[in-house]
Amino acid sequence: MSHLSYKTVSANSETVNKEWLLVDAEGLTLGRVASKIASLIRGKHKVDFTPHVDCGDNVVVINAEKVQLSGNKWEAKEYIRHTGYPGGQRSMNASTLLAKHPERLIEKAVKGMLPKNKLGRKLYGNLYVYVGAEHDQEAQKPKKIKLN
């Protein structure tokens, strides 16, 4: 055997091949689908995964309004934001957020599962969440995958 076969191959931005994936979130649990999406965006399912490189896929999520939460989380789970002014902390529960902006449920869950650095902020740009079954990435021909 050649000694070259034992070399570790590290991916970079030129050698990585990125795909477009389509995920249907209808009837899936929020945390479980978010962790799988974060893993796909990060690229951990690929053989040439490199931790410091954007080697993940672009993920399109449809039917974001049909995601499920277990237990009492629709009323108990709170999303907190701040306006920037003194005393400007605002909160809303998951059912209110679903009524106003259903796509933000999945966006916030996936963003919390990505690294908290420059790479994580870049990876977050590879997520596209849509309400309903229609999406704007038809030209990229995303490949539909089943997560469960």
Protein backbone atom coordinates (compact mmCIF):
# COMPACT_ATOMS: atom_id res chain seq x y z
CA MET A 1 0.00 0.00 0.00
CA SER A 2 1.08 3.53 -0.68
CA HIS A 3 1.61 5.84 2.25
CA LEU A 4 -0.55 8.43 0.44
CA SER A 5 -3.69 6.43 1.16
CA TYR A 6 -3.41 7.38 4.86
CA LYS A 7 -3.50 11.12 4.29
CA THR A 8 -6.41 12.97 5.81
CA VAL A 9 -8.26 14.97 3.17
CA SER A 10 -9.48 18.35 4.37
CA ALA A 11 -12.16 20.10 2.35
CA ASN A 12 -11.95 23.76 1.39
CA SER A 13 -14.29 26.16 -0.38
CA GLU A 14 -13.10 25.06 -3.82
CA THR A 15 -13.35 21.27 -3.34
CA VAL A 16 -16.68 21.10 -1.50
CA ASN A 17 -19.82 20.15 -3.44
CA LYS A 18 -22.97 21.78 -2.12
CA GLU A 19 -26.43 20.43 -2.91
CA TRP A 20 -29.95 21.79 -2.51
CA LEU A 21 -32.23 19.79 -0.22
CA LEU A 22 -35.99 20.13 0.33
CA VAL A 23 -37.52 19.31 3.73
CA ASP A 24 -41.26 19.12 4.35
CA ALA A 25 -41.86 20.04 8.03
CA GLU A 26 -45.51 19.01 8.08
CA GLY A 27 -46.30 17.01 11.22
CA LEU A 28 -42.67 16.89 12.44
CA THR A 29 -41.56 17.89 15.93
CA LEU A 30 -39.77 21.25 16.01
CA GLY A 31 -36.63 20.28 17.93
CA ARG A 32 -36.07 17.03 16.10
CA VAL A 33 -36.44 18.54 12.65
CA ALA A 34 -34.28 21.54 13.63
CA SER A 35 -31.40 19.36 14.82
CA LYS A 36 -31.44 17.34 11.59
CA ILE A 37 -31.59 20.52 9.49
CA ALA A 38 -28.69 22.02 11.45
CA SER A 39 -26.66 18.87 10.83
CA LEU A 40 -27.41 19.06 7.08
CA ILE A 41 -26.49 22.76 6.93
CA ARG A 42 -23.28 22.09 8.84
CA GLY A 43 -22.34 19.19 6.52
CA LYS A 44 -21.85 16.56 9.21
CA HIS A 45 -23.50 13.89 7.05
CA LYS A 46 -20.75 14.14 4.43
CA VAL A 47 -17.60 12.04 4.25
CA ASP A 48 -15.33 15.07 3.77
CA PHE A 49 -16.75 17.07 6.72
CA THR A 50 -14.33 19.74 7.89
CA PRO A 51 -15.31 21.69 11.04
CA HIS A 52 -13.96 25.09 9.95
CA VAL A 53 -15.36 25.08 6.37
CA ASP A 54 -18.87 25.65 5.01
CA CYS A 55 -19.23 22.18 3.48
CA GLY A 56 -22.93 21.72 4.20
CA ASP A 57 -25.91 21.83 1.90
CA ASN A 58 -28.51 24.51 1.22
CA VAL A 59 -31.77 23.48 2.89
CA VAL A 60 -35.25 24.65 1.81
CA VAL A 61 -37.99 24.03 4.40
CA ILE A 62 -41.65 24.14 3.37
CA ASN A 63 -44.87 23.95 5.43
CA ALA A 64 -43.25 25.70 8.40
CA GLU A 65 -46.65 26.51 9.89
CA LYS A 66 -47.48 22.79 10.31
CA VAL A 67 -44.63 21.96 12.70
CA GLN A 68 -45.56 20.33 16.03
CA LEU A 69 -44.57 20.97 19.64
CA SER A 70 -45.13 18.44 22.40
CA GLY A 71 -46.68 18.96 25.80
CA ASN A 72 -47.59 22.46 26.96
CA LYS A 73 -44.87 24.17 24.90
CA TRP A 74 -47.30 26.15 22.73
CA GLU A 75 -48.13 28.23 25.82
CA ALA A 76 -45.06 27.72 28.04
CA LYS A 77 -42.19 28.23 25.56
CA GLU A 78 -41.18 31.90 25.39
CA TYR A 79 -39.18 33.78 22.80
CA ILE A 80 -37.48 36.87 24.22
CA ARG A 81 -36.19 39.89 22.28
CA HIS A 82 -35.04 43.38 23.21
CA THR A 83 -35.95 46.65 21.48
CA GLY A 84 -32.67 48.33 22.41
CA TYR A 85 -34.28 50.85 24.74
CA PRO A 86 -34.18 50.71 28.56
CA GLY A 87 -36.88 48.35 29.80
CA GLY A 88 -37.45 47.16 26.23
CA GLN A 89 -37.47 43.42 26.83
CA ARG A 90 -40.41 41.79 25.05
CA SER A 91 -41.52 38.18 25.05
CA MET A 92 -44.11 36.08 23.24
CA ASN A 93 -45.04 32.44 23.49
CA ALA A 94 -44.78 29.89 20.71
CA SER A 95 -48.46 30.03 19.69
CA THR A 96 -48.29 33.83 19.26
CA LEU A 97 -45.09 33.53 17.21
CA LEU A 98 -46.74 30.84 15.07
CA ALA A 99 -49.70 33.13 14.40
CA LYS A 100 -47.54 36.15 13.45
CA HIS A 101 -44.40 34.64 11.83
CA PRO A 102 -44.55 30.83 11.47
CA GLU A 103 -41.20 30.59 9.67
CA ARG A 104 -39.35 32.11 12.63
CA LEU A 105 -40.06 29.07 14.82
CA ILE A 106 -37.83 26.90 12.63
CA GLU A 107 -35.31 29.69 11.95
CA LYS A 108 -34.75 30.37 15.67
CA ALA A 109 -34.50 26.67 16.51
CA VAL A 110 -31.94 25.95 13.78
CA LYS A 111 -29.91 29.11 14.49
CA GLY A 112 -29.57 28.07 18.13
CA MET A 113 -28.07 24.75 17.03
CA LEU A 114 -25.39 26.26 14.78
CA PRO A 115 -21.98 27.44 16.02
CA LYS A 116 -21.93 30.88 17.64
CA ASN A 117 -19.18 32.41 15.47
CA LYS A 118 -18.56 33.79 11.95
CA LEU A 119 -18.96 30.35 10.39
CA GLY A 120 -22.32 29.83 12.13
CA ARG A 121 -23.62 33.16 10.86
CA LYS A 122 -22.50 32.23 7.33
CA LEU A 123 -24.10 28.77 7.59
CA TYR A 124 -27.39 30.33 8.70
CA GLY A 125 -27.60 31.94 5.25
CA ASN A 126 -27.97 28.46 3.75
CA LEU A 127 -31.42 28.02 5.34
CA TYR A 128 -34.59 29.00 3.46
CA VAL A 129 -37.89 28.60 5.34
CA TYR A 130 -41.28 29.06 3.68
CA VAL A 131 -44.88 29.02 4.86
CA GLY A 132 -46.93 26.73 2.64
CA ALA A 133 -45.85 24.27 -0.02
CA GLU A 134 -44.55 26.86 -2.52
CA HIS A 135 -40.94 28.09 -2.47
CA ASP A 136 -38.70 30.36 -4.55
CA GLN A 137 -35.87 27.85 -5.10
CA GLU A 138 -37.46 25.89 -7.97
CA ALA A 139 -34.61 26.82 -10.32
CA GLN A 140 -32.05 25.07 -8.07
CA LYS A 141 -34.02 21.79 -8.31
CA PRO A 142 -33.81 20.81 -4.63
CA LYS A 143 -33.75 17.10 -3.84
CA LYS A 144 -36.58 16.07 -1.46
CA ILE A 145 -35.42 14.14 1.59
CA LYS A 146 -37.34 12.38 4.37
CA LEU A 147 -36.07 13.17 7.86
CA ASN A 148 -38.08 10.64 9.89
